[in-house]
Amino acid sequence: MYFAYLLACFAPVLVVRRGILLLTFGAAATAIVVRAIQEERRTRAQVGAPYDEYCRDVKRLLPFLW
């Protein structure tokens, strides 16, 4: 879901190609990454070992990379 948010935030940068949109994409991407990390920490604290097993199989934000 977070990857879809990143794509949606990047779409205006591709269409309009203005520098300010690249800056706002950077800010949005930073916020999304921070949010994903925070949510992962909370879920790990609540669920424990089963969530660790899930994290080994599923990437955090970018499919097949991270």
Protein backbone atom coordinates (compact mmCIF):
# COMPACT_ATOMS: atom_id res chain seq x y z
CA MET A 1 0.00 0.00 0.00
CA TYR A 2 2.83 2.39 0.81
CA PHE A 3 4.39 1.72 -2.59
CA ALA A 4 1.11 2.75 -4.23
CA TYR A 5 1.20 5.97 -2.21
CA LEU A 6 4.70 6.65 -3.50
CA LEU A 7 3.58 6.11 -7.08
CA ALA A 8 0.60 8.41 -6.60
CA CYS A 9 2.86 11.11 -5.16
CA PHE A 10 5.32 10.75 -8.02
CA ALA A 11 2.73 10.95 -10.83
CA PRO A 12 2.46 14.78 -10.82
CA VAL A 13 6.26 15.03 -11.03
CA LEU A 14 6.18 13.00 -14.25
CA VAL A 15 3.30 14.93 -15.77
CA VAL A 16 4.12 18.54 -14.89
CA ARG A 17 7.91 18.36 -14.42
CA ARG A 18 8.38 21.29 -12.08
CA GLY A 19 11.05 21.49 -9.41
CA ILE A 20 8.65 22.32 -6.60
CA LEU A 21 6.77 19.07 -7.23
CA LEU A 22 10.01 17.14 -6.89
CA LEU A 23 10.55 18.81 -3.52
CA THR A 24 7.05 17.97 -2.37
CA PHE A 25 7.51 14.39 -3.58
CA GLY A 26 10.69 14.18 -1.50
CA ALA A 27 8.83 15.41 1.57
CA ALA A 28 5.95 13.01 0.97
CA ALA A 29 8.31 10.08 0.37
CA THR A 30 10.17 10.87 3.59
CA ALA A 31 6.90 10.97 5.53
CA ILE A 32 5.78 7.66 4.02
CA VAL A 33 9.08 5.95 4.86
CA VAL A 34 8.99 7.23 8.45
CA ARG A 35 5.37 6.12 8.79
CA ALA A 36 6.15 2.64 7.46
CA ILE A 37 9.03 2.22 9.92
CA GLN A 38 6.93 3.43 12.84
CA GLU A 39 4.07 1.13 11.93
CA GLU A 40 6.45 -1.81 11.61
CA ARG A 41 7.85 -1.16 15.10
CA ARG A 42 4.38 -0.95 16.64
CA THR A 43 3.22 -4.11 14.91
CA ARG A 44 6.37 -5.98 15.95
CA ALA A 45 5.77 -4.93 19.57
CA GLN A 46 2.14 -6.07 19.44
CA VAL A 47 2.46 -9.31 17.47
CA GLY A 48 6.02 -10.48 18.15
CA ALA A 49 7.60 -13.52 16.50
CA PRO A 50 4.90 -14.20 13.88
CA TYR A 51 5.39 -10.71 12.53
CA ASP A 52 9.15 -11.27 12.30
CA GLU A 53 8.48 -14.33 10.16
CA TYR A 54 6.14 -12.31 7.97
CA CYS A 55 8.79 -9.58 7.54
CA ARG A 56 11.28 -12.12 6.25
CA ASP A 57 8.95 -12.98 3.39
CA VAL A 58 7.50 -9.56 2.59
CA LYS A 59 9.45 -6.40 1.75
CA ARG A 60 8.73 -3.22 3.66
CA LEU A 61 8.19 -0.58 1.00
CA LEU A 62 9.66 -1.29 -2.42
CA PRO A 63 8.74 -4.66 -3.90
CA PHE A 64 11.74 -7.05 -4.13
CA LEU A 65 14.12 -4.40 -2.71
CA TRP A 66 13.28 -3.01 0.73
